[in-house]
C-alpha cells in the first residue's frame, strides 16, 4: 500500500511538473505568436511598416501588455514614424481566447508619441494611414494563418489613450514645428454584443478618434499661426479631410 501511495505521489508531482512546464512553454510561445501576428497583420491594414519590441500575456491573470509598438509612415513622408507606443496595458477574459470573439476588458495607453506631418488643411500622414485602413479589402478581417476561417472578432469594453504627445511638422506654414498634448481619448463598448468587431473595424474607430483629436489641435495651432480664426481653421480641416469630422 505504501509503495502504491509513493508511486501515486510521484505520478502526481510529475504531472504537476509537466503542467507547469507546458504552461511556461505555451506562455512563451503565445507571446511570440502575438508579436509575430501584430508585425505581419498590422502592415497589411495600415500599409506602413509596423514593429513591436515584445508582447506579454498571462493566461492566469488575464493581463497582457505590448512594448515598443511603432507604426511607420506611408511612402512620401519623411519623419521616422507616425505613432510610437512605449507600453500598453491590456486586461482580457482568458476564456474568450478559445472562442470566436476575444473579450478585452480594458486597454490603457499612456503618453504615446504621435507625429503629424503635412498640412491640416490637406494631405497629411495620419489621414493617409486612415485612407489605407479604410481601403483594406477584407472587411471581415484577416484570415487565420493556416485556415480558411476569418480572424477572431473583438470586444473592447474600455479604451483609454491618455497624455498623447503630438510632434507637428506643418507644410505650407514655413515648415513650422510644434509640440502639442491631446485631450484624453476614452471609448467604451466597442464590439459589444454577439457580433463583435474585426481588427480592421477597431483600427478604423480608434484611428478616427486619434486623427480627429490630433488634426483639431493642429488646426487650431495652424489657424493661429496663419492669422485665421480657430473656427475657420477647423472648417478648412473638415473640407480637406472630406468631411472626416462629420463621420
C-alpha atoms as a PDB file:
ATOM      1  CA  UNK A   1       0.000   0.000   0.000  1.00  0.00           C
ATOM      2  CA  UNK A   2       2.821   2.382   0.931  1.00  0.00           C
ATOM      3  CA  UNK A   3       4.531   1.601  -2.360  1.00  0.00           C
ATOM      4  CA  UNK A   4       1.340   2.383  -4.282  1.00  0.00           C
ATOM      5  CA  UNK A   5       0.922   5.686  -2.405  1.00  0.00           C
ATOM      6  CA  UNK A   6       4.516   6.567  -3.162  1.00  0.00           C
ATOM      7  CA  UNK A   7       4.012   5.794  -6.840  1.00  0.00           C
ATOM      8  CA  UNK A   8       0.821   7.892  -6.884  1.00  0.00           C
ATOM      9  CA  UNK A   9       2.569  10.786  -5.149  1.00  0.00           C
ATOM     10  CA  UNK A  10       5.453  10.682  -7.610  1.00  0.00           C
ATOM     11  CA  UNK A  11       2.995  10.482 -10.502  1.00  0.00           C
ATOM     12  CA  UNK A  12       1.029  13.486  -9.242  1.00  0.00           C
ATOM     13  CA  UNK A  13       4.205  15.516  -8.730  1.00  0.00           C
ATOM     14  CA  UNK A  14       5.367  14.545 -12.202  1.00  0.00           C
ATOM     15  CA  UNK A  15       2.007  15.515 -13.694  1.00  0.00           C
ATOM     16  CA  UNK A  16       2.078  18.883 -11.931  1.00  0.00           C
ATOM     17  CA  UNK A  17       5.602  19.469 -13.187  1.00  0.00           C
ATOM     18  CA  UNK A  18       4.516  18.670 -16.745  1.00  0.00           C
ATOM     19  CA  UNK A  19       1.545  21.043 -16.438  1.00  0.00           C
ATOM     20  CA  UNK A  20       3.850  23.771 -15.146  1.00  0.00           C
ATOM     21  CA  UNK A  21       6.323  23.221 -17.971  1.00  0.00           C
ATOM     22  CA  UNK A  22       3.508  23.179 -20.529  1.00  0.00           C
ATOM     23  CA  UNK A  23       2.099  26.420 -19.120  1.00  0.00           C
ATOM     24  CA  UNK A  24       5.504  28.098 -19.359  1.00  0.00           C
ATOM     25  CA  UNK A  25       6.075  26.828 -22.881  1.00  0.00           C
ATOM     26  CA  UNK A  26       2.612  27.923 -24.018  1.00  0.00           C
ATOM     27  CA  UNK A  27       3.073  31.316 -22.383  1.00  0.00           C
ATOM     28  CA  UNK A  28       6.408  31.882 -24.086  1.00  0.00           C
ATOM     29  CA  UNK A  29       5.111  30.745 -27.466  1.00  0.00           C
ATOM     30  CA  UNK A  30       1.915  32.785 -27.090  1.00  0.00           C
ATOM     31  CA  UNK A  31       3.959  35.935 -26.505  1.00  0.00           C
ATOM     32  CA  UNK A  32       5.975  35.180 -29.632  1.00  0.00           C
ATOM     33  CA  UNK A  33       2.866  34.379 -31.661  1.00  0.00           C
ATOM     34  CA  UNK A  34       1.220  37.672 -30.665  1.00  0.00           C
ATOM     35  CA  UNK A  35       4.337  39.632 -31.612  1.00  0.00           C
ATOM     36  CA  UNK A  36       4.639  37.884 -34.982  1.00  0.00           C
ATOM     37  CA  UNK A  37       0.913  38.276 -35.655  1.00  0.00           C
ATOM     38  CA  UNK A  38       0.989  42.013 -34.992  1.00  0.00           C
ATOM     39  CA  UNK A  39       4.049  42.511 -37.154  1.00  0.00           C
ATOM     40  CA  UNK A  40       2.550  40.501 -40.027  1.00  0.00           C
ATOM     41  CA  UNK A  41      -1.117  41.559 -39.919  1.00  0.00           C
ATOM     42  CA  UNK A  42      -0.854  45.255 -38.944  1.00  0.00           C
ATOM     43  CA  UNK A  43       1.191  46.302 -42.008  1.00  0.00           C
ATOM     44  CA  UNK A  44      -1.462  44.817 -44.313  1.00  0.00           C
ATOM     45  CA  UNK A  45      -4.023  47.089 -42.652  1.00  0.00           C
ATOM     46  CA  UNK A  46      -2.048  50.335 -42.362  1.00  0.00           C
ATOM     47  CA  UNK A  47       0.124  49.688 -45.455  1.00  0.00           C
ATOM     48  CA  UNK A  48       3.068  51.007 -43.461  1.00  0.00           C
ATOM     49  CA  UNK A  49       5.880  49.286 -41.539  1.00  0.00           C
ATOM     50  CA  UNK A  50       4.814  48.137 -38.054  1.00  0.00           C
ATOM     51  CA  UNK A  51       7.243  46.776 -35.478  1.00  0.00           C
ATOM     52  CA  UNK A  52       6.847  45.565 -31.905  1.00  0.00           C
ATOM     53  CA  UNK A  53       9.592  45.031 -29.345  1.00  0.00           C
ATOM     54  CA  UNK A  54       7.676  42.488 -27.251  1.00  0.00           C
ATOM     55  CA  UNK A  55       4.286  41.204 -26.132  1.00  0.00           C
ATOM     56  CA  UNK A  56       3.377  39.520 -22.864  1.00  0.00           C
ATOM     57  CA  UNK A  57       0.251  37.550 -21.961  1.00  0.00           C
ATOM     58  CA  UNK A  58      -0.650  35.931 -18.655  1.00  0.00           C
ATOM     59  CA  UNK A  59      -3.446  33.398 -19.032  1.00  0.00           C
ATOM     60  CA  UNK A  60      -3.762  33.075 -15.266  1.00  0.00           C
ATOM     61  CA  UNK A  61      -4.379  36.759 -14.535  1.00  0.00           C
ATOM     62  CA  UNK A  62      -5.986  37.738 -17.829  1.00  0.00           C
ATOM     63  CA  UNK A  63      -3.467  40.516 -18.333  1.00  0.00           C
ATOM     64  CA  UNK A  64      -1.390  41.409 -21.342  1.00  0.00           C
ATOM     65  CA  UNK A  65       0.979  44.105 -22.463  1.00  0.00           C
ATOM     66  CA  UNK A  66       2.785  45.267 -25.539  1.00  0.00           C
ATOM     67  CA  UNK A  67       6.013  47.237 -25.556  1.00  0.00           C
ATOM     68  CA  UNK A  68       7.679  49.316 -28.222  1.00  0.00           C
ATOM     69  CA  UNK A  69       4.929  49.439 -30.873  1.00  0.00           C
ATOM     70  CA  UNK A  70       5.944  51.646 -33.802  1.00  0.00           C
ATOM     71  CA  UNK A  71       3.675  52.449 -36.754  1.00  0.00           C
ATOM     72  CA  UNK A  72       5.712  53.813 -39.640  1.00  0.00           C
ATOM     73  CA  UNK A  73       4.739  56.455 -42.156  1.00  0.00           C
ATOM     74  CA  UNK A  74       3.362  55.936 -45.657  1.00  0.00           C
ATOM     75  CA  UNK A  75       5.728  56.483 -48.599  1.00  0.00           C
ATOM     76  CA  UNK A  76       6.436  60.143 -49.281  1.00  0.00           C
ATOM     77  CA  UNK A  77       6.643  61.242 -45.655  1.00  0.00           C
ATOM     78  CA  UNK A  78       9.998  61.968 -44.087  1.00  0.00           C
ATOM     79  CA  UNK A  79       9.513  61.622 -40.325  1.00  0.00           C
ATOM     80  CA  UNK A  80      10.615  58.334 -38.753  1.00  0.00           C
ATOM     81  CA  UNK A  81       7.209  57.186 -37.526  1.00  0.00           C
ATOM     82  CA  UNK A  82       3.558  58.127 -37.231  1.00  0.00           C
ATOM     83  CA  UNK A  83       2.765  56.535 -33.846  1.00  0.00           C
ATOM     84  CA  UNK A  84       5.004  55.254 -31.066  1.00  0.00           C
ATOM     85  CA  UNK A  85       3.615  53.440 -28.021  1.00  0.00           C
ATOM     86  CA  UNK A  86       6.151  52.590 -25.341  1.00  0.00           C
ATOM     87  CA  UNK A  87       3.718  50.398 -23.425  1.00  0.00           C
ATOM     88  CA  UNK A  88       0.050  49.445 -23.460  1.00  0.00           C
ATOM     89  CA  UNK A  89      -1.658  47.561 -20.633  1.00  0.00           C
ATOM     90  CA  UNK A  90      -4.472  45.179 -21.534  1.00  0.00           C
ATOM     91  CA  UNK A  91      -6.966  43.264 -19.411  1.00  0.00           C
ATOM     92  CA  UNK A  92      -8.865  40.441 -21.078  1.00  0.00           C
ATOM     93  CA  UNK A  93     -11.098  37.482 -20.400  1.00  0.00           C
ATOM     94  CA  UNK A  94      -8.807  34.415 -20.682  1.00  0.00           C
ATOM     95  CA  UNK A  95     -11.668  32.069 -21.521  1.00  0.00           C
ATOM     96  CA  UNK A  96     -12.596  34.175 -24.556  1.00  0.00           C
ATOM     97  CA  UNK A  97      -9.261  33.325 -26.209  1.00  0.00           C
ATOM     98  CA  UNK A  98     -10.787  29.951 -27.090  1.00  0.00           C
ATOM     99  CA  UNK A  99     -13.986  31.460 -28.512  1.00  0.00           C
ATOM    100  CA  UNK A 100     -14.715  33.272 -31.780  1.00  0.00           C
ATOM    101  CA  UNK A 101     -14.715  36.652 -30.016  1.00  0.00           C
ATOM    102  CA  UNK A 102     -11.920  37.820 -27.730  1.00  0.00           C
ATOM    103  CA  UNK A 103     -13.290  39.954 -24.898  1.00  0.00           C
ATOM    104  CA  UNK A 104     -10.898  42.719 -23.865  1.00  0.00           C
ATOM    105  CA  UNK A 105     -11.952  44.378 -20.629  1.00  0.00           C
ATOM    106  CA  UNK A 106      -9.668  47.380 -20.986  1.00  0.00           C
ATOM    107  CA  UNK A 107      -6.819  48.873 -22.976  1.00  0.00           C
ATOM    108  CA  UNK A 108      -4.764  51.659 -21.433  1.00  0.00           C
ATOM    109  CA  UNK A 109      -2.175  53.608 -23.401  1.00  0.00           C
ATOM    110  CA  UNK A 110      -0.301  56.383 -21.640  1.00  0.00           C
ATOM    111  CA  UNK A 111       1.844  59.110 -23.219  1.00  0.00           C
ATOM    112  CA  UNK A 112       2.149  57.750 -26.761  1.00  0.00           C
ATOM    113  CA  UNK A 113       4.034  59.864 -29.290  1.00  0.00           C
ATOM    114  CA  UNK A 114       2.221  60.844 -32.468  1.00  0.00           C
ATOM    115  CA  UNK A 115       3.891  62.591 -35.386  1.00  0.00           C
ATOM    116  CA  UNK A 116       1.737  64.760 -37.622  1.00  0.00           C
ATOM    117  CA  UNK A 117       3.424  65.570 -40.919  1.00  0.00           C
ATOM    118  CA  UNK A 118       1.727  67.570 -43.610  1.00  0.00           C
ATOM    119  CA  UNK A 119      -0.991  70.151 -43.956  1.00  0.00           C
ATOM    120  CA  UNK A 120      -4.012  70.092 -41.599  1.00  0.00           C
ATOM    121  CA  UNK A 121      -5.984  71.670 -44.430  1.00  0.00           C
ATOM    122  CA  UNK A 122      -4.944  68.993 -46.933  1.00  0.00           C
ATOM    123  CA  UNK A 123      -2.736  65.919 -47.208  1.00  0.00           C
ATOM    124  CA  UNK A 124      -1.011  64.540 -44.113  1.00  0.00           C
ATOM    125  CA  UNK A 125       0.447  61.249 -42.928  1.00  0.00           C
ATOM    126  CA  UNK A 126      -2.316  60.338 -40.470  1.00  0.00           C
ATOM    127  CA  UNK A 127      -5.107  60.914 -42.977  1.00  0.00           C
ATOM    128  CA  UNK A 128      -3.211  58.758 -45.481  1.00  0.00           C
ATOM    129  CA  UNK A 129      -2.938  55.902 -42.984  1.00  0.00           C
ATOM    130  CA  UNK A 130      -6.676  56.119 -42.322  1.00  0.00           C
ATOM    131  CA  UNK A 131      -7.307  56.029 -46.068  1.00  0.00           C
ATOM    132  CA  UNK A 132      -5.196  52.877 -46.221  1.00  0.00           C
ATOM    133  CA  UNK A 133      -7.162  51.277 -43.373  1.00  0.00           C
ATOM    134  CA  UNK A 134     -10.470  52.224 -44.989  1.00  0.00           C
ATOM    135  CA  UNK A 135      -9.264  50.662 -48.221  1.00  0.00           C
ATOM    136  CA  UNK A 136      -8.456  47.284 -46.637  1.00  0.00           C
ATOM    137  CA  UNK A 137     -10.400  44.914 -48.942  1.00  0.00           C
ATOM    138  CA  UNK A 138     -11.234  42.179 -46.437  1.00  0.00           C
ATOM    139  CA  UNK A 139     -13.987  43.783 -44.337  1.00  0.00           C
ATOM    140  CA  UNK A 140     -14.380  40.591 -42.317  1.00  0.00           C
ATOM    141  CA  UNK A 141     -10.804  40.814 -41.091  1.00  0.00           C
ATOM    142  CA  UNK A 142      -7.666  38.852 -41.980  1.00  0.00           C
ATOM    143  CA  UNK A 143      -7.816  35.089 -42.384  1.00  0.00           C
ATOM    144  CA  UNK A 144      -6.361  32.969 -39.596  1.00  0.00           C
ATOM    145  CA  UNK A 145      -2.975  31.635 -40.698  1.00  0.00           C
ATOM    146  CA  UNK A 146      -3.198  28.066 -41.987  1.00  0.00           C
ATOM    147  CA  UNK A 147      -7.008  28.073 -42.177  1.00  0.00           C
ATOM    148  CA  UNK A 148      -9.845  29.350 -44.328  1.00  0.00           C
ATOM    149  CA  UNK A 149     -11.579  30.844 -41.297  1.00  0.00           C
ATOM    150  CA  UNK A 150     -11.821  34.595 -40.659  1.00  0.00           C
ATOM    151  CA  UNK A 151      -9.830  36.006 -37.768  1.00  0.00           C
ATOM    152  CA  UNK A 152     -11.457  36.258 -34.370  1.00  0.00           C
ATOM    153  CA  UNK A 153     -13.757  39.181 -33.636  1.00  0.00           C
ATOM    154  CA  UNK A 154     -13.028  41.537 -30.756  1.00  0.00           C
ATOM    155  CA  UNK A 155     -14.911  43.284 -27.982  1.00  0.00           C
ATOM    156  CA  UNK A 156     -13.236  46.176 -26.173  1.00  0.00           C
ATOM    157  CA  UNK A 157     -15.201  47.332 -23.158  1.00  0.00           C
ATOM    158  CA  UNK A 158     -12.968  50.273 -22.242  1.00  0.00           C
ATOM    159  CA  UNK A 159     -10.273  52.038 -24.266  1.00  0.00           C
ATOM    160  CA  UNK A 160      -8.190  54.894 -22.839  1.00  0.00           C
ATOM    161  CA  UNK A 161      -5.467  56.872 -24.565  1.00  0.00           C
ATOM    162  CA  UNK A 162      -4.105  59.474 -22.162  1.00  0.00           C
ATOM    163  CA  UNK A 163      -1.459  62.176 -22.346  1.00  0.00           C
ATOM    164  CA  UNK A 164      -0.625  61.727 -26.021  1.00  0.00           C
ATOM    165  CA  UNK A 165       2.191  63.975 -27.260  1.00  0.00           C
ATOM    166  CA  UNK A 166       1.960  65.194 -30.837  1.00  0.00           C
ATOM    167  CA  UNK A 167       5.040  66.329 -32.737  1.00  0.00           C
ATOM    168  CA  UNK A 168       3.858  68.505 -35.587  1.00  0.00           C
ATOM    169  CA  UNK A 169       5.689  69.288 -38.798  1.00  0.00           C
ATOM    170  CA  UNK A 170       3.480  71.601 -40.813  1.00  0.00           C
ATOM    171  CA  UNK A 171       3.886  72.145 -44.522  1.00  0.00           C
ATOM    172  CA  UNK A 172       2.608  75.353 -46.026  1.00  0.00           C
ATOM    173  CA  UNK A 173       3.498  77.252 -42.872  1.00  0.00           C
ATOM    174  CA  UNK A 174       7.237  77.720 -43.466  1.00  0.00           C
ATOM    175  CA  UNK A 175       7.669  74.112 -42.235  1.00  0.00           C
ATOM    176  CA  UNK A 176       6.651  75.161 -38.727  1.00  0.00           C
ATOM    177  CA  UNK A 177       7.256  72.616 -35.963  1.00  0.00           C
ATOM    178  CA  UNK A 178       5.011  72.352 -32.908  1.00  0.00           C
ATOM    179  CA  UNK A 179       4.596  70.113 -29.869  1.00  0.00           C
ATOM    180  CA  UNK A 180       1.064  69.598 -28.584  1.00  0.00           C
ATOM    181  CA  UNK A 181      -0.694  67.485 -25.940  1.00  0.00           C
ATOM    182  CA  UNK A 182      -4.001  65.860 -26.860  1.00  0.00           C
ATOM    183  CA  UNK A 183      -7.053  65.608 -24.615  1.00  0.00           C
ATOM    184  CA  UNK A 184      -7.632  62.065 -23.345  1.00  0.00           C
ATOM    185  CA  UNK A 185      -9.496  59.753 -25.720  1.00  0.00           C
ATOM    186  CA  UNK A 186     -11.917  57.426 -23.938  1.00  0.00           C
ATOM    187  CA  UNK A 187     -14.073  54.909 -25.828  1.00  0.00           C
ATOM    188  CA  UNK A 188     -16.402  52.279 -24.381  1.00  0.00           C
ATOM    189  CA  UNK A 189     -18.423  49.264 -25.539  1.00  0.00           C
ATOM    190  CA  UNK A 190     -16.614  48.687 -28.820  1.00  0.00           C
ATOM    191  CA  UNK A 191     -17.931  45.494 -30.389  1.00  0.00           C
ATOM    192  CA  UNK A 192     -20.318  44.794 -27.523  1.00  0.00           C
ATOM    193  CA  UNK A 193     -22.880  42.094 -28.273  1.00  0.00           C
ATOM    194  CA  UNK A 194     -22.721  38.830 -30.159  1.00  0.00           C
ATOM    195  CA  UNK A 195     -21.101  40.173 -33.327  1.00  0.00           C
ATOM    196  CA  UNK A 196     -18.027  41.984 -32.117  1.00  0.00           C
ATOM    197  CA  UNK A 197     -15.760  43.983 -34.413  1.00  0.00           C
ATOM    198  CA  UNK A 198     -12.938  42.969 -36.710  1.00  0.00           C
ATOM    199  CA  UNK A 199      -9.383  44.167 -36.248  1.00  0.00           C
ATOM    200  CA  UNK A 200      -9.895  46.471 -39.235  1.00  0.00           C
ATOM    201  CA  UNK A 201     -13.073  47.973 -37.779  1.00  0.00           C
ATOM    202  CA  UNK A 202     -11.441  48.511 -34.390  1.00  0.00           C
ATOM    203  CA  UNK A 203      -8.424  50.137 -36.034  1.00  0.00           C
ATOM    204  CA  UNK A 204     -10.708  52.439 -38.015  1.00  0.00           C
ATOM    205  CA  UNK A 205     -12.630  53.534 -34.935  1.00  0.00           C
ATOM    206  CA  UNK A 206      -9.588  54.236 -32.784  1.00  0.00           C
ATOM    207  CA  UNK A 207      -7.612  55.871 -35.587  1.00  0.00           C
ATOM    208  CA  UNK A 208     -10.530  58.151 -36.477  1.00  0.00           C
ATOM    209  CA  UNK A 209     -10.687  59.393 -32.897  1.00  0.00           C
ATOM    210  CA  UNK A 210      -6.917  59.886 -32.742  1.00  0.00           C
ATOM    211  CA  UNK A 211      -6.891  61.810 -36.022  1.00  0.00           C
ATOM    212  CA  UNK A 212      -9.981  63.794 -35.048  1.00  0.00           C
ATOM    213  CA  UNK A 213      -8.306  64.994 -31.869  1.00  0.00           C
ATOM    214  CA  UNK A 214      -4.877  65.457 -33.450  1.00  0.00           C
ATOM    215  CA  UNK A 215      -5.995  67.374 -36.520  1.00  0.00           C
ATOM    216  CA  UNK A 216      -8.313  69.558 -34.482  1.00  0.00           C
ATOM    217  CA  UNK A 217      -5.442  70.522 -32.162  1.00  0.00           C
ATOM    218  CA  UNK A 218      -3.100  71.059 -35.108  1.00  0.00           C
ATOM    219  CA  UNK A 219      -5.751  73.061 -36.933  1.00  0.00           C
ATOM    220  CA  UNK A 220      -6.192  75.392 -34.003  1.00  0.00           C
ATOM    221  CA  UNK A 221      -2.448  75.956 -33.788  1.00  0.00           C
ATOM    222  CA  UNK A 222      -2.126  76.373 -37.556  1.00  0.00           C
ATOM    223  CA  UNK A 223      -5.104  78.728 -37.651  1.00  0.00           C
ATOM    224  CA  UNK A 224      -3.448  80.906 -35.064  1.00  0.00           C
ATOM    225  CA  UNK A 225      -0.152  80.809 -36.961  1.00  0.00           C
ATOM    226  CA  UNK A 226      -1.804  81.831 -40.204  1.00  0.00           C
ATOM    227  CA  UNK A 227      -3.759  84.628 -38.573  1.00  0.00           C
ATOM    228  CA  UNK A 228      -7.090  82.938 -39.159  1.00  0.00           C
ATOM    229  CA  UNK A 229      -9.709  82.247 -36.535  1.00  0.00           C
ATOM    230  CA  UNK A 230      -9.907  78.808 -34.985  1.00  0.00           C
ATOM    231  CA  UNK A 231     -13.380  78.300 -36.418  1.00  0.00           C
ATOM    232  CA  UNK A 232     -12.262  78.918 -39.993  1.00  0.00           C
ATOM    233  CA  UNK A 233      -9.253  76.655 -39.442  1.00  0.00           C
ATOM    234  CA  UNK A 234     -11.434  73.772 -38.327  1.00  0.00           C
ATOM    235  CA  UNK A 235     -13.797  74.342 -41.269  1.00  0.00           C
ATOM    236  CA  UNK A 236     -10.850  74.025 -43.652  1.00  0.00           C
ATOM    237  CA  UNK A 237      -9.723  70.855 -41.928  1.00  0.00           C
ATOM    238  CA  UNK A 238     -13.183  69.387 -42.410  1.00  0.00           C
ATOM    239  CA  UNK A 239     -13.052  70.224 -46.091  1.00  0.00           C
ATOM    240  CA  UNK A 240      -9.503  68.939 -46.505  1.00  0.00           C
ATOM    241  CA  UNK A 241     -10.365  65.567 -44.967  1.00  0.00           C
ATOM    242  CA  UNK A 242     -13.534  65.120 -46.993  1.00  0.00           C
ATOM    243  CA  UNK A 243     -15.963  65.698 -44.128  1.00  0.00           C
ATOM    244  CA  UNK A 244     -13.999  63.487 -41.745  1.00  0.00           C
ATOM    245  CA  UNK A 245     -15.339  65.300 -38.681  1.00  0.00           C
ATOM    246  CA  UNK A 246     -18.900  64.535 -39.702  1.00  0.00           C
ATOM    247  CA  UNK A 247     -18.301  60.761 -39.646  1.00  0.00           C
END
